[in-house]
Amino acid sequence: MKQLLPGKVAIITGGGKGMGRASALLFAEEGAKVVIADWDFESAETAVAEIKAAGGEAVAVKVDVSNEDDIKKMVATAMDNYGRIDVLYNNAAVGYSERGRFFMGTVVDTPMPDWDAINAICLKGVAMGCKYVIPIMVEQGGGVILNAGSGNALHSAPGADAYTAAKGGVVSLTRVLADVYGPKGVRVNCLCPGFVLTPMTAEMAQKADGPLAGWSARVPLRRAGEAEEVATAALFLCSDMSSYVTGAILSVDGGRDCQ
């Protein structure tokens, strides 16, 4: 079967674990040269090793997406190693699974340092990735950007208001970038996953009184998602299969958004 990303260069932030890792492995399988950017450099290196063991090409880079210098380093790593950037998947974020690092609660309860940190990672990080990659894509004649939104951006999900606000911003940013840069050959879309089983969400999924209690009963498909299911949706939006799709906000949530 013909590969869907032959020779393409793809940056995936948060690519060392969970949905990002699943996408990195799939993109490499489909012929892409993958730059795996993650603040957890060990996890990024592990993913790179797996890709190389399977015959693919990849490089790891340690990146805090809330840090502008790190974003510049990430872009430089892609250009220095591969000479172009065809895909940017702004996947890195913090949510419920990072509640040990950041407070997850209402706008009234959330301390401002936590609010700022969550938005710096989930929204500012996306914006900075776009800021430094879009000019390269325009100059080379086109490219694809995929931003990670969330079901929280599309319906009420109390309990993580800073995260929800940031993801709402990602959705709106996606639409305006698609509008402005579509004429210059850059497609920009957004994935909005629901609850997806990853190593980071496993603990929450097991808690009877946790924030995700009863999720399966609330969605039409009656189960949580798998990281690989999000990865296949990402592949569609980052490949030529979606060549006439831009500004789209695609829910991958078992039908939660249709309710």
C-alpha atoms as a PDB file:
ATOM      1  CA  MET A   1       0.000   0.000   0.000  1.00  0.00           C
ATOM      2  CA  LYS A   2       1.254   3.479  -0.850  1.00  0.00           C
ATOM      3  CA  GLN A   3       2.539   5.485   2.114  1.00  0.00           C
ATOM      4  CA  LEU A   4       0.607   8.645   2.999  1.00  0.00           C
ATOM      5  CA  LEU A   5       3.528  10.851   4.131  1.00  0.00           C
ATOM      6  CA  PRO A   6       6.443   9.776   1.925  1.00  0.00           C
ATOM      7  CA  GLY A   7       9.468  12.006   2.494  1.00  0.00           C
ATOM      8  CA  LYS A   8       7.504  14.541   4.531  1.00  0.00           C
ATOM      9  CA  VAL A   9       9.119  16.200   7.536  1.00  0.00           C
ATOM     10  CA  ALA A  10       6.819  16.324  10.559  1.00  0.00           C
ATOM     11  CA  ILE A  11       7.329  18.008  13.925  1.00  0.00           C
ATOM     12  CA  ILE A  12       5.213  16.558  16.724  1.00  0.00           C
ATOM     13  CA  THR A  13       5.257  18.323  20.082  1.00  0.00           C
ATOM     14  CA  GLY A  14       4.599  16.152  23.107  1.00  0.00           C
ATOM     15  CA  GLY A  15       5.605  13.287  20.837  1.00  0.00           C
ATOM     16  CA  GLY A  16       7.237  11.148  23.487  1.00  0.00           C
ATOM     17  CA  LYS A  17       4.099   9.827  25.137  1.00  0.00           C
ATOM     18  CA  GLY A  18       0.408   9.138  24.694  1.00  0.00           C
ATOM     19  CA  MET A  19      -1.371  10.478  21.632  1.00  0.00           C
ATOM     20  CA  GLY A  20       1.743  12.286  20.423  1.00  0.00           C
ATOM     21  CA  ARG A  21       3.824   9.132  20.547  1.00  0.00           C
ATOM     22  CA  ALA A  22       1.145   7.114  18.743  1.00  0.00           C
ATOM     23  CA  SER A  23       1.099   9.761  16.016  1.00  0.00           C
ATOM     24  CA  ALA A  24       4.901   9.858  15.761  1.00  0.00           C
ATOM     25  CA  LEU A  25       5.078   6.094  15.252  1.00  0.00           C
ATOM     26  CA  LEU A  26       2.260   6.133  12.705  1.00  0.00           C
ATOM     27  CA  PHE A  27       3.632   9.098  10.764  1.00  0.00           C
ATOM     28  CA  ALA A  28       7.034   7.415  10.557  1.00  0.00           C
ATOM     29  CA  GLU A  29       5.396   4.195   9.375  1.00  0.00           C
ATOM     30  CA  GLU A  30       3.728   6.256   6.658  1.00  0.00           C
ATOM     31  CA  GLY A  31       7.089   7.579   5.433  1.00  0.00           C
ATOM     32  CA  ALA A  32       7.575  10.799   7.388  1.00  0.00           C
ATOM     33  CA  LYS A  33      10.826  11.966   8.933  1.00  0.00           C
ATOM     34  CA  VAL A  34       9.716  12.861  12.439  1.00  0.00           C
ATOM     35  CA  VAL A  35      11.058  15.465  14.848  1.00  0.00           C
ATOM     36  CA  ILE A  36       9.825  14.412  18.288  1.00  0.00           C
ATOM     37  CA  ALA A  37       9.767  17.403  20.628  1.00  0.00           C
ATOM     38  CA  ASP A  38       9.083  16.761  24.291  1.00  0.00           C
ATOM     39  CA  TRP A  39      10.069  18.256  27.631  1.00  0.00           C
ATOM     40  CA  ASP A  40      10.658  14.656  28.734  1.00  0.00           C
ATOM     41  CA  PHE A  41      13.692  14.052  26.534  1.00  0.00           C
ATOM     42  CA  GLU A  42      14.047  10.426  27.625  1.00  0.00           C
ATOM     43  CA  SER A  43      10.575   9.565  26.348  1.00  0.00           C
ATOM     44  CA  ALA A  44      11.327  11.350  23.066  1.00  0.00           C
ATOM     45  CA  GLU A  45      14.543   9.395  22.653  1.00  0.00           C
ATOM     46  CA  THR A  46      12.720   6.133  23.358  1.00  0.00           C
ATOM     47  CA  ALA A  47      10.167   6.900  20.635  1.00  0.00           C
ATOM     48  CA  VAL A  48      12.959   7.800  18.217  1.00  0.00           C
ATOM     49  CA  ALA A  49      14.724   4.521  18.945  1.00  0.00           C
ATOM     50  CA  GLU A  50      11.540   2.593  18.207  1.00  0.00           C
ATOM     51  CA  ILE A  51      11.071   4.425  14.913  1.00  0.00           C
ATOM     52  CA  LYS A  52      14.667   3.784  13.866  1.00  0.00           C
ATOM     53  CA  ALA A  53      14.419   0.128  14.846  1.00  0.00           C
ATOM     54  CA  ALA A  54      11.495  -0.167  12.431  1.00  0.00           C
ATOM     55  CA  GLY A  55      13.546   1.425   9.637  1.00  0.00           C
ATOM     56  CA  GLY A  56      12.213   4.968   9.925  1.00  0.00           C
ATOM     57  CA  GLU A  57      13.874   8.344  10.395  1.00  0.00           C
ATOM     58  CA  ALA A  58      13.456  10.494  13.493  1.00  0.00           C
ATOM     59  CA  VAL A  59      15.277  12.849  15.824  1.00  0.00           C
ATOM     60  CA  ALA A  60      14.508  13.899  19.404  1.00  0.00           C
ATOM     61  CA  VAL A  61      14.713  17.403  20.843  1.00  0.00           C
ATOM     62  CA  LYS A  62      14.053  18.565  24.402  1.00  0.00           C
ATOM     63  CA  VAL A  63      11.429  21.311  24.272  1.00  0.00           C
ATOM     64  CA  ASP A  64       9.310  23.229  26.741  1.00  0.00           C
ATOM     65  CA  VAL A  65       6.674  24.624  24.374  1.00  0.00           C
ATOM     66  CA  SER A  66       6.015  27.576  26.689  1.00  0.00           C
ATOM     67  CA  ASN A  67       9.611  28.740  26.122  1.00  0.00           C
ATOM     68  CA  GLU A  68      10.212  30.731  22.934  1.00  0.00           C
ATOM     69  CA  ASP A  69      13.885  29.808  22.714  1.00  0.00           C
ATOM     70  CA  ASP A  70      12.960  26.121  22.901  1.00  0.00           C
ATOM     71  CA  ILE A  71      10.455  26.555  20.079  1.00  0.00           C
ATOM     72  CA  LYS A  72      13.166  28.192  17.966  1.00  0.00           C
ATOM     73  CA  LYS A  73      15.493  25.281  18.791  1.00  0.00           C
ATOM     74  CA  MET A  74      12.809  22.802  17.748  1.00  0.00           C
ATOM     75  CA  VAL A  75      12.340  24.498  14.384  1.00  0.00           C
ATOM     76  CA  ALA A  76      16.099  24.763  13.883  1.00  0.00           C
ATOM     77  CA  THR A  77      16.479  21.044  14.637  1.00  0.00           C
ATOM     78  CA  ALA A  78      14.018  20.184  11.875  1.00  0.00           C
ATOM     79  CA  MET A  79      15.659  22.511   9.381  1.00  0.00           C
ATOM     80  CA  ASP A  80      19.220  21.489  10.245  1.00  0.00           C
ATOM     81  CA  ASN A  81      18.427  17.786   9.970  1.00  0.00           C
ATOM     82  CA  TYR A  82      15.943  17.717   7.108  1.00  0.00           C
ATOM     83  CA  GLY A  83      15.908  21.137   5.412  1.00  0.00           C
ATOM     84  CA  ARG A  84      12.151  21.682   5.423  1.00  0.00           C
ATOM     85  CA  ILE A  85       8.977  21.356   7.516  1.00  0.00           C
ATOM     86  CA  ASP A  86       5.880  19.868   5.910  1.00  0.00           C
ATOM     87  CA  VAL A  87       3.807  19.138   9.015  1.00  0.00           C
ATOM     88  CA  LEU A  88       3.572  20.730  12.446  1.00  0.00           C
ATOM     89  CA  TYR A  89       1.411  18.843  14.920  1.00  0.00           C
ATOM     90  CA  ASN A  90       0.995  21.065  17.994  1.00  0.00           C
ATOM     91  CA  ASN A  91       0.050  18.222  20.319  1.00  0.00           C
ATOM     92  CA  ALA A  92       1.771  19.165  23.608  1.00  0.00           C
ATOM     93  CA  ALA A  93      -0.528  20.210  26.445  1.00  0.00           C
ATOM     94  CA  VAL A  94      -1.267  19.766  30.131  1.00  0.00           C
ATOM     95  CA  GLY A  95      -4.636  18.703  31.455  1.00  0.00           C
ATOM     96  CA  TYR A  96      -6.227  16.645  34.232  1.00  0.00           C
ATOM     97  CA  SER A  97      -3.327  14.224  34.182  1.00  0.00           C
ATOM     98  CA  GLU A  98      -0.974  17.031  35.268  1.00  0.00           C
ATOM     99  CA  ARG A  99      -3.022  18.047  38.288  1.00  0.00           C
ATOM    100  CA  GLY A 100      -0.044  17.178  40.477  1.00  0.00           C
ATOM    101  CA  ARG A 101       1.868  20.056  38.858  1.00  0.00           C
ATOM    102  CA  PHE A 102      -0.959  22.506  38.184  1.00  0.00           C
ATOM    103  CA  PHE A 103      -4.235  23.215  39.946  1.00  0.00           C
ATOM    104  CA  MET A 104      -7.267  22.057  37.978  1.00  0.00           C
ATOM    105  CA  GLY A 105     -10.461  23.776  39.059  1.00  0.00           C
ATOM    106  CA  THR A 106     -12.783  26.684  38.430  1.00  0.00           C
ATOM    107  CA  VAL A 107     -11.732  30.151  37.319  1.00  0.00           C
ATOM    108  CA  VAL A 108     -12.507  31.341  40.838  1.00  0.00           C
ATOM    109  CA  ASP A 109     -10.306  28.750  42.544  1.00  0.00           C
ATOM    110  CA  THR A 110      -7.373  28.545  40.131  1.00  0.00           C
ATOM    111  CA  PRO A 111      -4.248  30.431  41.309  1.00  0.00           C
ATOM    112  CA  MET A 112      -3.047  32.889  38.683  1.00  0.00           C
ATOM    113  CA  PRO A 113       0.442  31.341  38.381  1.00  0.00           C
ATOM    114  CA  ASP A 114      -1.199  28.021  37.497  1.00  0.00           C
ATOM    115  CA  TRP A 115      -3.623  29.736  35.094  1.00  0.00           C
ATOM    116  CA  ASP A 116      -0.727  31.439  33.333  1.00  0.00           C
ATOM    117  CA  ALA A 117       1.383  28.267  33.169  1.00  0.00           C
ATOM    118  CA  ILE A 118      -1.429  26.143  31.742  1.00  0.00           C
ATOM    119  CA  ASN A 119      -2.247  28.750  29.097  1.00  0.00           C
ATOM    120  CA  ALA A 120       1.447  29.199  28.268  1.00  0.00           C
ATOM    121  CA  ILE A 121       1.732  25.498  27.440  1.00  0.00           C
ATOM    122  CA  CYS A 122      -1.680  24.815  25.892  1.00  0.00           C
ATOM    123  CA  LEU A 123      -2.245  28.042  23.933  1.00  0.00           C
ATOM    124  CA  LYS A 124       0.921  30.122  23.776  1.00  0.00           C
ATOM    125  CA  GLY A 125       2.923  27.022  22.855  1.00  0.00           C
ATOM    126  CA  VAL A 126       0.627  26.399  19.892  1.00  0.00           C
ATOM    127  CA  ALA A 127       0.823  30.035  18.813  1.00  0.00           C
ATOM    128  CA  MET A 128       4.621  30.096  18.973  1.00  0.00           C
ATOM    129  CA  GLY A 129       4.929  26.893  16.995  1.00  0.00           C
ATOM    130  CA  CYS A 130       2.766  28.449  14.295  1.00  0.00           C
ATOM    131  CA  LYS A 131       4.674  31.743  14.492  1.00  0.00           C
ATOM    132  CA  TYR A 132       8.003  30.153  13.613  1.00  0.00           C
ATOM    133  CA  VAL A 133       6.843  27.412  11.240  1.00  0.00           C
ATOM    134  CA  ILE A 134       4.322  29.260   9.067  1.00  0.00           C
ATOM    135  CA  PRO A 135       6.924  31.532   7.384  1.00  0.00           C
ATOM    136  CA  ILE A 136       8.950  28.438   6.448  1.00  0.00           C
ATOM    137  CA  MET A 137       5.884  26.716   5.015  1.00  0.00           C
ATOM    138  CA  VAL A 138       4.889  29.814   3.039  1.00  0.00           C
ATOM    139  CA  GLU A 139       8.392  30.143   1.604  1.00  0.00           C
ATOM    140  CA  GLN A 140       8.560  26.483   0.566  1.00  0.00           C
ATOM    141  CA  GLY A 141       5.116  26.638  -1.045  1.00  0.00           C
ATOM    142  CA  GLY A 142       2.853  25.038   1.537  1.00  0.00           C
ATOM    143  CA  GLY A 143       2.444  22.800   4.537  1.00  0.00           C
ATOM    144  CA  VAL A 144       0.013  21.474   7.113  1.00  0.00           C
ATOM    145  CA  ILE A 145      -0.523  22.503  10.722  1.00  0.00           C
ATOM    146  CA  LEU A 146      -2.604  20.406  13.088  1.00  0.00           C
ATOM    147  CA  ASN A 147      -3.473  21.849  16.485  1.00  0.00           C
ATOM    148  CA  ALA A 148      -4.629  19.768  19.437  1.00  0.00           C
ATOM    149  CA  GLY A 149      -7.840  21.150  20.849  1.00  0.00           C
ATOM    150  CA  SER A 150     -10.132  19.274  23.212  1.00  0.00           C
ATOM    151  CA  GLY A 151     -13.742  18.367  23.748  1.00  0.00           C
ATOM    152  CA  ASN A 152     -13.542  20.891  26.596  1.00  0.00           C
ATOM    153  CA  ALA A 153     -13.394  23.628  23.959  1.00  0.00           C
ATOM    154  CA  LEU A 154     -16.708  22.559  22.424  1.00  0.00           C
ATOM    155  CA  HIS A 155     -18.990  21.905  25.397  1.00  0.00           C
ATOM    156  CA  SER A 156     -19.128  22.560  29.106  1.00  0.00           C
ATOM    157  CA  ALA A 157     -16.620  20.499  31.087  1.00  0.00           C
ATOM    158  CA  PRO A 158     -16.354  22.004  34.582  1.00  0.00           C
ATOM    159  CA  GLY A 159     -13.259  21.445  36.665  1.00  0.00           C
ATOM    160  CA  ALA A 160     -10.325  22.559  34.546  1.00  0.00           C
ATOM    161  CA  ASP A 161     -11.208  26.095  33.483  1.00  0.00           C
ATOM    162  CA  ALA A 162      -7.687  27.237  32.582  1.00  0.00           C
ATOM    163  CA  TYR A 163      -7.260  24.229  30.307  1.00  0.00           C
ATOM    164  CA  THR A 164     -10.726  24.709  28.831  1.00  0.00           C
ATOM    165  CA  ALA A 165     -10.074  28.386  28.108  1.00  0.00           C
ATOM    166  CA  ALA A 166      -6.740  27.597  26.472  1.00  0.00           C
ATOM    167  CA  LYS A 167      -8.252  24.914  24.255  1.00  0.00           C
ATOM    168  CA  GLY A 168     -11.043  27.280  23.240  1.00  0.00           C
ATOM    169  CA  GLY A 169      -8.326  29.683  22.171  1.00  0.00           C
ATOM    170  CA  VAL A 170      -6.673  26.945  20.105  1.00  0.00           C
ATOM    171  CA  VAL A 171      -9.932  26.343  18.240  1.00  0.00           C
ATOM    172  CA  SER A 172     -10.330  30.039  17.410  1.00  0.00           C
ATOM    173  CA  LEU A 173      -6.657  30.428  16.477  1.00  0.00           C
ATOM    174  CA  THR A 174      -6.977  27.470  14.108  1.00  0.00           C
ATOM    175  CA  ARG A 175      -9.834  29.104  12.231  1.00  0.00           C
ATOM    176  CA  VAL A 176      -8.129  32.476  11.755  1.00  0.00           C
ATOM    177  CA  LEU A 177      -4.831  30.918  10.664  1.00  0.00           C
ATOM    178  CA  ALA A 178      -6.662  28.720   8.156  1.00  0.00           C
ATOM    179  CA  ASP A 179      -8.363  31.814   6.760  1.00  0.00           C
ATOM    180  CA  VAL A 180      -5.215  33.948   6.514  1.00  0.00           C
ATOM    181  CA  TYR A 181      -2.718  31.353   5.288  1.00  0.00           C
ATOM    182  CA  GLY A 182      -4.916  29.126   3.120  1.00  0.00           C
ATOM    183  CA  PRO A 183      -4.240  31.349   0.066  1.00  0.00           C
ATOM    184  CA  LYS A 184      -0.517  30.789   0.703  1.00  0.00           C
ATOM    185  CA  GLY A 185      -0.788  27.006   0.661  1.00  0.00           C
ATOM    186  CA  VAL A 186      -0.882  26.317   4.400  1.00  0.00           C
ATOM    187  CA  ARG A 187      -3.727  24.203   5.728  1.00  0.00           C
ATOM    188  CA  VAL A 188      -4.569  24.505   9.437  1.00  0.00           C
ATOM    189  CA  ASN A 189      -6.926  22.143  11.253  1.00  0.00           C
ATOM    190  CA  CYS A 190      -7.744  21.142  14.813  1.00  0.00           C
ATOM    191  CA  LEU A 191      -8.390  17.809  16.523  1.00  0.00           C
ATOM    192  CA  CYS A 192     -10.601  17.772  19.605  1.00  0.00           C
ATOM    193  CA  PRO A 193     -10.231  14.447  21.419  1.00  0.00           C
ATOM    194  CA  GLY A 194     -12.519  13.313  24.178  1.00  0.00           C
ATOM    195  CA  PHE A 195     -11.242  11.048  26.942  1.00  0.00           C
ATOM    196  CA  VAL A 196      -8.441   8.915  25.535  1.00  0.00           C
ATOM    197  CA  LEU A 197      -6.672   6.107  27.398  1.00  0.00           C
ATOM    198  CA  THR A 198      -2.965   6.864  27.751  1.00  0.00           C
ATOM    199  CA  PRO A 199      -0.410   6.152  30.486  1.00  0.00           C
ATOM    200  CA  MET A 200      -1.093   9.647  31.874  1.00  0.00           C
ATOM    201  CA  THR A 201      -4.866   9.166  32.122  1.00  0.00           C
ATOM    202  CA  ALA A 202      -4.840   5.580  33.378  1.00  0.00           C
ATOM    203  CA  GLU A 203      -4.973   6.571  37.047  1.00  0.00           C
ATOM    204  CA  MET A 204      -7.963   8.865  36.530  1.00  0.00           C
ATOM    205  CA  ALA A 205      -9.784   6.251  34.506  1.00  0.00           C
ATOM    206  CA  GLN A 206      -9.583   3.828  37.409  1.00  0.00           C
ATOM    207  CA  LYS A 207     -10.963   6.194  40.062  1.00  0.00           C
ATOM    208  CA  ALA A 208     -14.645   5.669  40.706  1.00  0.00           C
ATOM    209  CA  ASP A 209     -15.043   9.277  41.887  1.00  0.00           C
ATOM    210  CA  GLY A 210     -12.505  10.855  39.534  1.00  0.00           C
ATOM    211  CA  PRO A 211     -13.162  13.620  36.978  1.00  0.00           C
ATOM    212  CA  LEU A 212     -13.777  11.006  34.272  1.00  0.00           C
ATOM    213  CA  ALA A 213     -16.174   8.840  36.247  1.00  0.00           C
ATOM    214  CA  GLY A 214     -19.050   7.644  34.091  1.00  0.00           C
ATOM    215  CA  TRP A 215     -17.483   8.849  30.818  1.00  0.00           C
ATOM    216  CA  SER A 216     -18.280   5.664  28.915  1.00  0.00           C
ATOM    217  CA  ALA A 217     -21.945   5.866  29.863  1.00  0.00           C
ATOM    218  CA  ARG A 218     -22.132   9.442  28.556  1.00  0.00           C
ATOM    219  CA  VAL A 219     -20.836   8.855  25.032  1.00  0.00           C
ATOM    220  CA  PRO A 220     -22.684   7.076  22.218  1.00  0.00           C
ATOM    221  CA  LEU A 221     -19.851   4.607  21.563  1.00  0.00           C
ATOM    222  CA  ARG A 222     -19.839   3.721  25.274  1.00  0.00           C
ATOM    223  CA  ARG A 223     -16.062   3.611  25.747  1.00  0.00           C
ATOM    224  CA  ALA A 224     -12.960   5.738  26.029  1.00  0.00           C
ATOM    225  CA  GLY A 225     -10.749   6.252  23.017  1.00  0.00           C
ATOM    226  CA  GLU A 226      -7.341   4.784  22.241  1.00  0.00           C
ATOM    227  CA  ALA A 227      -4.294   6.901  21.382  1.00  0.00           C
ATOM    228  CA  GLU A 228      -3.994   5.097  18.047  1.00  0.00           C
ATOM    229  CA  GLU A 229      -7.520   6.194  17.100  1.00  0.00           C
ATOM    230  CA  VAL A 230      -6.545   9.830  17.553  1.00  0.00           C
ATOM    231  CA  ALA A 231      -3.350   9.183  15.587  1.00  0.00           C
ATOM    232  CA  THR A 232      -5.266   7.912  12.561  1.00  0.00           C
ATOM    233  CA  ALA A 233      -7.431  11.048  12.589  1.00  0.00           C
ATOM    234  CA  ALA A 234      -4.260  13.138  12.816  1.00  0.00           C
ATOM    235  CA  LEU A 235      -2.793  11.244   9.871  1.00  0.00           C
ATOM    236  CA  PHE A 236      -5.859  12.024   7.777  1.00  0.00           C
ATOM    237  CA  LEU A 237      -5.627  15.749   8.501  1.00  0.00           C
ATOM    238  CA  CYS A 238      -1.848  15.879   7.949  1.00  0.00           C
ATOM    239  CA  SER A 239      -1.833  13.934   4.679  1.00  0.00           C
ATOM    240  CA  ASP A 240      -3.081  14.659   1.179  1.00  0.00           C
ATOM    241  CA  MET A 241      -6.201  12.646   1.971  1.00  0.00           C
ATOM    242  CA  SER A 242      -7.530  15.899   3.439  1.00  0.00           C
ATOM    243  CA  SER A 243      -6.152  18.172   0.704  1.00  0.00           C
ATOM    244  CA  TYR A 244      -9.396  20.200   0.533  1.00  0.00           C
ATOM    245  CA  VAL A 245      -9.852  20.452   4.303  1.00  0.00           C
ATOM    246  CA  THR A 246      -8.763  23.504   6.275  1.00  0.00           C
ATOM    247  CA  GLY A 247     -10.198  25.340   9.257  1.00  0.00           C
ATOM    248  CA  ALA A 248     -11.870  22.102  10.360  1.00  0.00           C
ATOM    249  CA  ILE A 249     -12.487  21.276  14.003  1.00  0.00           C
ATOM    250  CA  LEU A 250     -12.703  17.486  14.164  1.00  0.00           C
ATOM    251  CA  SER A 251     -14.064  15.779  17.271  1.00  0.00           C
ATOM    252  CA  VAL A 252     -12.573  12.387  18.106  1.00  0.00           C
ATOM    253  CA  ASP A 253     -14.656  11.667  21.168  1.00  0.00           C
ATOM    254  CA  GLY A 254     -16.915   8.678  20.655  1.00  0.00           C
ATOM    255  CA  GLY A 255     -19.812  10.978  19.808  1.00  0.00           C
ATOM    256  CA  ARG A 256     -19.742  13.138  22.957  1.00  0.00           C
ATOM    257  CA  ASP A 257     -19.894  16.329  20.898  1.00  0.00           C
ATOM    258  CA  CYS A 258     -23.107  15.294  19.138  1.00  0.00           C
ATOM    259  CA  GLN A 259     -25.082  15.377  22.397  1.00  0.00           C
END
